[in-house]
Protein backbone atom coordinates (compact mmCIF):
# COMPACT_ATOMS: atom_id res chain seq x y z
CA MET A 1 -20.80 23.59 -9.22
CA ALA A 2 -21.20 20.52 -6.75
CA LEU A 3 -18.80 18.16 -5.54
CA ASP A 4 -19.76 14.47 -6.33
CA PRO A 5 -21.97 13.35 -3.33
CA ALA A 6 -19.63 10.83 -2.51
CA ILE A 7 -17.19 13.28 -1.48
CA GLU A 8 -17.49 14.47 2.15
CA VAL A 9 -15.36 17.50 3.32
CA ILE A 10 -14.58 17.86 7.18
CA ASP A 11 -12.29 20.51 7.16
CA LYS A 12 -12.31 23.08 4.72
CA ARG A 13 -8.55 22.40 3.65
CA PHE A 14 -10.13 19.60 1.81
CA TYR A 15 -11.85 21.96 -0.88
CA ARG A 16 -7.99 22.73 -2.32
CA LEU A 17 -7.60 18.82 -3.02
CA VAL A 18 -10.69 18.15 -4.70
CA ILE A 19 -12.24 18.88 -8.12
CA HIS A 20 -15.82 20.37 -7.96
CA ASN A 21 -16.69 18.78 -11.36
CA ALA A 22 -14.84 15.63 -11.15
CA HIS A 23 -16.63 12.49 -10.45
CA ILE A 24 -15.77 9.01 -9.23
CA ASP A 25 -15.14 6.19 -11.83
CA HIS A 26 -16.31 2.54 -11.46
CA LEU A 27 -13.64 1.10 -13.69
CA TRP A 28 -14.06 -2.44 -13.27
CA THR A 29 -15.43 -5.20 -11.16
CA GLY A 30 -14.72 -9.00 -10.92
CA ALA A 31 -12.18 -9.42 -7.95
CA ARG A 32 -12.60 -11.49 -4.78
CA TRP A 33 -10.09 -9.16 -3.00
CA ALA A 34 -8.55 -6.54 -4.89
CA GLU A 35 -5.32 -5.14 -3.38
CA GLY A 36 -1.65 -3.95 -3.85
CA PRO A 37 -1.95 -1.17 -6.92
CA VAL A 38 1.01 0.35 -8.63
CA TYR A 39 1.11 2.53 -11.59
CA VAL A 40 3.66 1.89 -14.27
CA PRO A 41 4.18 5.21 -16.21
CA ALA A 42 5.98 4.00 -19.21
CA GLY A 43 3.31 1.66 -20.18
CA ARG A 44 0.31 3.78 -18.66
CA TYR A 45 -1.28 0.79 -16.81
CA LEU A 46 -1.79 0.00 -13.09
CA VAL A 47 -0.94 -3.64 -11.90
CA PHE A 48 -3.01 -4.74 -9.17
CA SER A 49 -3.64 -8.17 -6.94
CA ASP A 50 -6.87 -10.34 -6.61
CA ILE A 51 -5.01 -12.24 -3.65
CA PRO A 52 -7.30 -15.04 -3.29
CA ASN A 53 -7.74 -15.74 -6.78
CA ASP A 54 -3.96 -16.03 -7.12
CA ARG A 55 -3.53 -13.78 -10.22
CA THR A 56 -2.60 -10.01 -10.72
CA LEU A 57 -4.61 -7.69 -13.20
CA ARG A 58 -3.91 -5.00 -15.40
CA TYR A 59 -5.92 -1.84 -16.18
CA ASP A 60 -4.93 -0.08 -19.26
CA GLU A 61 -5.27 3.42 -19.41
CA LEU A 62 -5.49 3.96 -23.12
CA THR A 63 -8.34 1.32 -23.68
CA ALA A 64 -9.77 1.14 -20.13
CA THR A 65 -9.74 -2.69 -20.04
CA VAL A 66 -8.51 -5.07 -17.42
CA SER A 67 -6.68 -8.15 -18.33
CA THR A 68 -4.73 -10.70 -16.66
CA PHE A 69 -1.12 -9.87 -15.89
CA GLU A 70 -0.24 -12.77 -14.24
CA GLN A 71 -1.59 -16.13 -13.29
CA PRO A 72 -0.73 -18.05 -11.26
CA ALA A 73 0.93 -15.16 -9.08
CA LEU A 74 2.06 -16.60 -5.72
CA ASN A 75 -0.72 -14.71 -3.98
CA GLN A 76 0.98 -11.53 -4.37
CA ASN A 77 -0.20 -8.56 -2.53
CA GLY A 78 1.28 -4.96 -2.51
CA HIS A 79 3.73 -3.54 -4.99
CA CYS A 80 5.69 -0.74 -5.80
CA LEU A 81 8.40 0.38 -8.53
CA ASP A 82 12.02 0.56 -7.85
CA LEU A 83 14.24 3.56 -9.18
CA GLU A 84 14.68 1.67 -12.46
CA GLY A 85 11.07 1.42 -13.07
CA ARG A 86 10.59 -2.66 -12.19
CA ILE A 87 8.14 -4.01 -10.34
CA VAL A 88 8.60 -5.14 -6.63
CA SER A 89 6.27 -7.58 -5.44
CA CYS A 90 5.34 -8.90 -1.94
CA GLU A 91 4.46 -12.81 -2.62
CA HIS A 92 2.10 -14.15 0.08
CA ARG A 93 2.24 -17.81 -1.21
CA GLY A 94 6.04 -17.13 -2.13
CA ARG A 95 6.82 -15.84 1.49
CA ALA A 96 8.93 -13.39 -0.31
CA MET A 97 10.01 -10.04 -1.99
CA SER A 98 10.43 -10.27 -5.54
CA ARG A 99 11.09 -8.25 -8.73
CA ILE A 100 10.21 -8.49 -12.37
CA GLY A 101 13.43 -7.66 -14.40
CA HIS A 102 13.34 -5.94 -17.85
CA ASP A 103 13.48 -9.09 -19.19
CA GLY A 104 10.18 -10.34 -17.75
CA HIS A 105 11.91 -12.74 -15.17
CA ARG A 106 11.39 -12.99 -11.55
CA GLU A 107 14.38 -12.31 -9.27
CA VAL A 108 13.88 -12.85 -5.46
CA LEU A 109 15.31 -10.03 -3.54
CA ALA A 110 14.37 -11.57 0.02
CA ASP A 111 12.89 -14.83 1.32
CA SER A 112 14.13 -14.88 4.92
CA PHE A 113 15.48 -12.93 7.98
CA GLU A 114 18.50 -14.36 9.89
CA GLY A 115 17.92 -17.87 8.71
CA GLN A 116 14.09 -17.99 9.29
CA ARG A 117 11.72 -17.77 6.43
CA LEU A 118 9.25 -14.73 6.10
CA ASN A 119 5.76 -14.72 7.11
CA SER A 120 3.96 -13.29 3.96
CA PRO A 121 5.09 -9.79 2.89
CA ASN A 122 2.24 -7.35 2.51
CA ASP A 123 3.14 -3.84 1.33
CA ALA A 124 6.43 -2.10 0.23
CA VAL A 125 7.83 1.19 -0.87
CA VAL A 126 11.30 1.95 -1.99
CA HIS A 127 13.52 4.76 -0.47
CA SER A 128 15.46 7.20 -2.95
CA ASP A 129 18.73 5.48 -1.84
CA GLY A 130 17.20 2.52 -3.69
CA SER A 131 16.38 0.42 -0.54
CA VAL A 132 13.22 -1.51 -0.35
CA TRP A 133 11.10 -1.31 2.81
CA PHE A 134 8.32 -3.95 3.36
CA THR A 135 5.74 -4.91 6.17
CA ASP A 136 5.50 -8.78 6.84
CA PRO A 137 2.35 -9.72 8.95
CA THR A 138 0.94 -13.33 8.81
CA TYR A 139 -2.19 -12.93 6.82
CA GLY A 140 -0.54 -15.13 4.04
CA ILE A 141 0.09 -18.00 6.31
CA ASP A 142 -2.90 -17.68 8.83
CA SER A 143 -5.05 -19.71 6.41
CA ASP A 144 -4.97 -21.12 2.53
CA TYR A 145 -7.29 -18.51 1.49
CA GLU A 146 -4.47 -16.10 0.52
CA GLY A 147 -1.30 -18.24 0.50
CA ASP A 148 -0.43 -21.45 2.39
CA ALA A 149 -1.25 -22.12 5.73
CA ALA A 150 1.69 -22.44 7.96
CA GLU A 151 3.48 -21.54 11.41
CA SER A 152 5.53 -18.47 11.78
CA GLU A 153 9.25 -19.08 11.62
CA ILE A 154 10.08 -15.65 12.99
CA GLY A 155 7.41 -15.56 15.47
CA HIS A 156 6.61 -11.98 15.07
CA SER A 157 5.75 -9.37 12.09
CA ASN A 158 8.28 -6.49 11.28
CA VAL A 159 9.05 -4.08 9.05
CA TYR A 160 12.34 -4.67 7.02
CA ARG A 161 14.60 -3.19 4.72
CA ILE A 162 16.52 -4.71 1.93
CA ASP A 163 19.91 -3.06 1.59
CA PRO A 164 20.36 -1.99 -2.40
CA ALA A 165 24.17 -2.54 -2.13
CA ASP A 166 24.43 -6.08 -0.74
CA GLY A 167 20.93 -7.43 -0.48
CA SER A 168 21.22 -7.86 3.39
CA VAL A 169 17.76 -7.84 5.42
CA SER A 170 17.54 -5.69 8.44
CA ALA A 171 14.53 -5.25 11.10
CA VAL A 172 13.87 -1.61 11.37
CA VAL A 173 10.37 -1.53 13.12
CA THR A 174 9.67 -4.51 15.75
CA ASP A 175 7.04 -3.12 18.09
CA MET A 176 3.96 -3.56 15.93
CA VAL A 177 1.29 -6.49 16.23
CA ARG A 178 0.70 -6.46 12.06
CA PRO A 179 2.38 -4.07 10.18
CA ASN A 180 0.57 -3.55 7.21
CA GLY A 181 0.49 -0.37 4.66
CA LEU A 182 3.54 1.85 4.78
CA ALA A 183 4.88 5.06 3.03
CA PHE A 184 7.29 7.83 3.70
CA SER A 185 6.53 11.32 3.87
CA PRO A 186 7.56 13.73 0.83
CA ASP A 187 10.95 14.43 2.49
CA GLU A 188 11.49 10.97 3.71
CA SER A 189 11.69 12.54 7.34
CA ILE A 190 8.63 9.91 8.39
CA LEU A 191 7.99 6.54 7.81
CA TYR A 192 4.38 5.90 8.02
CA VAL A 193 3.31 2.27 8.84
CA ALA A 194 -0.49 0.88 9.77
CA ASP A 195 -1.09 -1.63 12.52
CA THR A 196 -3.75 -4.02 11.35
CA GLY A 197 -3.25 -6.35 14.81
CA ILE A 198 -6.71 -5.72 15.42
CA SER A 199 -7.56 -8.79 13.34
CA HIS A 200 -5.61 -10.77 15.77
CA VAL A 201 -5.93 -9.17 19.27
CA GLY A 202 -9.02 -7.09 19.11
CA SER A 203 -8.86 -3.86 20.85
CA ALA A 204 -5.68 -4.47 22.38
CA CYS A 205 -4.39 -3.04 19.20
CA PRO A 206 -6.00 0.07 18.14
CA PRO A 207 -6.36 0.56 14.15
CA ASP A 208 -3.43 3.16 13.88
CA ILE A 209 -0.99 4.62 11.34
CA ARG A 210 1.95 5.48 13.40
CA ALA A 211 4.54 8.09 12.33
CA TYR A 212 8.28 6.96 12.99
CA PRO A 213 11.02 9.64 12.84
CA MET A 214 13.93 8.56 10.50
CA ALA A 215 17.47 8.88 11.14
CA ALA A 216 19.64 11.56 9.23
CA ASP A 217 21.45 8.73 6.88
CA GLY A 218 17.85 7.31 6.06
CA ARG A 219 18.67 3.71 7.13
CA ALA A 220 16.32 3.08 10.05
CA PRO A 221 13.73 4.95 12.18
CA SER A 222 15.34 6.74 15.16
CA GLY A 223 13.36 7.88 18.40
CA GLU A 224 9.77 7.17 19.37
CA ALA A 225 6.95 6.61 17.25
CA THR A 226 3.88 8.62 17.61
CA THR A 227 0.28 7.86 16.71
CA PHE A 228 -0.57 9.69 13.70
CA ALA A 229 -4.25 8.92 13.07
CA THR A 230 -6.66 6.16 14.48
CA CYS A 231 -9.11 4.85 11.98
CA THR A 232 -12.91 5.59 12.89
CA GLU A 233 -14.53 3.09 10.45
CA GLY A 234 -12.66 -0.55 10.32
CA VAL A 235 -9.05 -0.37 9.75
CA PHE A 236 -6.28 1.62 7.56
CA ASP A 237 -4.87 -0.75 5.49
CA GLY A 238 -2.63 0.70 2.66
CA PHE A 239 -2.12 4.12 1.88
CA ARG A 240 -0.11 6.72 -0.56
CA VAL A 241 1.27 10.08 0.39
CA ASP A 242 0.69 13.13 -1.83
CA ALA A 243 3.23 15.91 -2.84
CA LYS A 244 1.85 18.45 -0.24
CA GLY A 245 2.43 15.60 2.20
CA ASN A 246 -1.25 14.69 2.39
CA LEU A 247 -1.95 10.81 3.11
CA TRP A 248 -4.69 9.07 1.28
CA THR A 249 -5.64 5.58 3.10
CA SER A 250 -8.08 3.13 2.91
CA ALA A 251 -10.92 2.31 5.22
CA ALA A 252 -14.00 0.71 5.66
CA ASP A 253 -16.14 3.36 4.13
CA GLY A 254 -13.84 4.45 1.42
CA VAL A 255 -10.68 6.63 1.45
CA HIS A 256 -9.79 8.82 4.23
CA CYS A 257 -7.67 11.80 3.33
CA TYR A 258 -5.22 13.22 6.32
CA ASP A 259 -3.34 16.60 6.55
CA PRO A 260 0.40 16.13 7.83
CA ASP A 261 -0.53 17.54 11.04
CA GLY A 262 -3.21 14.83 11.40
CA THR A 263 -6.10 16.20 10.95
CA LEU A 264 -9.15 14.12 8.81
CA LEU A 265 -9.76 16.43 6.10
CA GLY A 266 -12.24 14.54 4.06
CA LYS A 267 -13.34 11.10 2.81
CA ILE A 268 -14.39 9.68 -0.36
CA HIS A 269 -17.29 7.37 0.11
CA LEU A 270 -17.46 3.98 -1.83
CA PRO A 271 -19.90 0.96 -1.42
CA GLU A 272 -17.16 -1.21 -0.91
CA VAL A 273 -14.57 -1.80 1.65
CA VAL A 274 -10.93 -0.08 0.36
CA ALA A 275 -8.00 -2.29 0.74
CA ASN A 276 -5.38 0.23 -1.15
CA VAL A 277 -4.90 3.40 -3.06
CA GLU A 278 -2.15 4.45 -5.92
CA PHE A 279 -1.67 7.78 -7.95
CA GLY A 280 -1.53 7.10 -11.46
CA GLY A 281 -2.07 9.16 -14.63
CA ILE A 282 0.24 11.17 -16.85
CA LYS A 283 0.18 13.90 -14.30
CA ARG A 284 -0.11 11.41 -11.52
CA ASN A 285 -3.16 13.15 -10.05
CA ARG A 286 -5.58 10.09 -10.55
CA LEU A 287 -6.20 8.25 -7.23
CA TYR A 288 -6.69 4.59 -8.19
CA ILE A 289 -8.85 2.58 -5.69
CA CYS A 290 -8.85 -1.23 -4.78
CA ALA A 291 -12.05 -1.76 -2.96
CA THR A 292 -13.04 -5.40 -2.38
CA THR A 293 -14.09 -6.29 -5.71
CA SER A 294 -13.79 -3.14 -7.56
CA LEU A 295 -11.31 -0.75 -8.95
CA PHE A 296 -12.23 3.03 -8.85
CA ALA A 297 -10.69 6.39 -9.97
CA PHE A 298 -11.03 9.93 -8.91
CA TYR A 299 -9.06 12.87 -10.22
CA LEU A 300 -7.46 15.09 -7.53
CA ASN A 301 -6.30 18.48 -7.39
CA THR A 302 -2.85 17.06 -6.10
CA SER A 303 -0.56 14.67 -7.08
CA ALA A 304 2.13 11.61 -5.89
CA ALA A 305 5.03 12.73 -4.01
CA ARG A 306 8.39 12.05 -5.83
């Protein structure tokens, strides 16, 4: 039984992660720049962003249909769920981190750091202690295409942590040019962060994912970061980690899969540049893929971490 021809095995360990009779599903087309997917298990649907068109969309697993979830949407980019299953959103135009409450109302979690407005939050992840971690590059204020053009008040692009107890915001990673996607390893001992600063400073900023060892209390990275992987096709944007610690990341030619030791195991080739991925489905073994104008999906022999 042959693999889907779009699946490229680079390391034989990749065979254990892909299913031989599964095929890539092209679920929908119609976005200008599809991004930021989050799966909501309680409703069996995926919410994702179409940033330039200022809307979020909803893919319903039961009906296989896509509808508008929110418009206008403050040019939202990345999303994640908090520990109560509420959607946390990165707002480009709002220049804020927000959350949709169980009553449907928007609540601002953070919109400034040390009295200065955030740039344009890009991607987010929730730690098991309830803290929200997010990246804050300038893509939403660089032009009017994905937000409102403006000067950065902070003057730098950092990774931040929102404390679950008092809502305070702390800068936890400050050594990147344009931090973008981020995720924790399954045991939360490592924070992975992609740097897409090549868009602003060229080859002076390699398109890397860096691995930051976490302090024992889980409140900040501790020690020197290392380069986990360097993208060979375009840049790494958003990514997710599976239960086995493998990292599934976007790239210009599709989705790349890395072993926890940093080895590139294989690729899922797609006809459009991929922005982000998310695990979904009842067993969390379906990889949803936001790729420029389209939404794709592929069943895997692994599932989401946590």
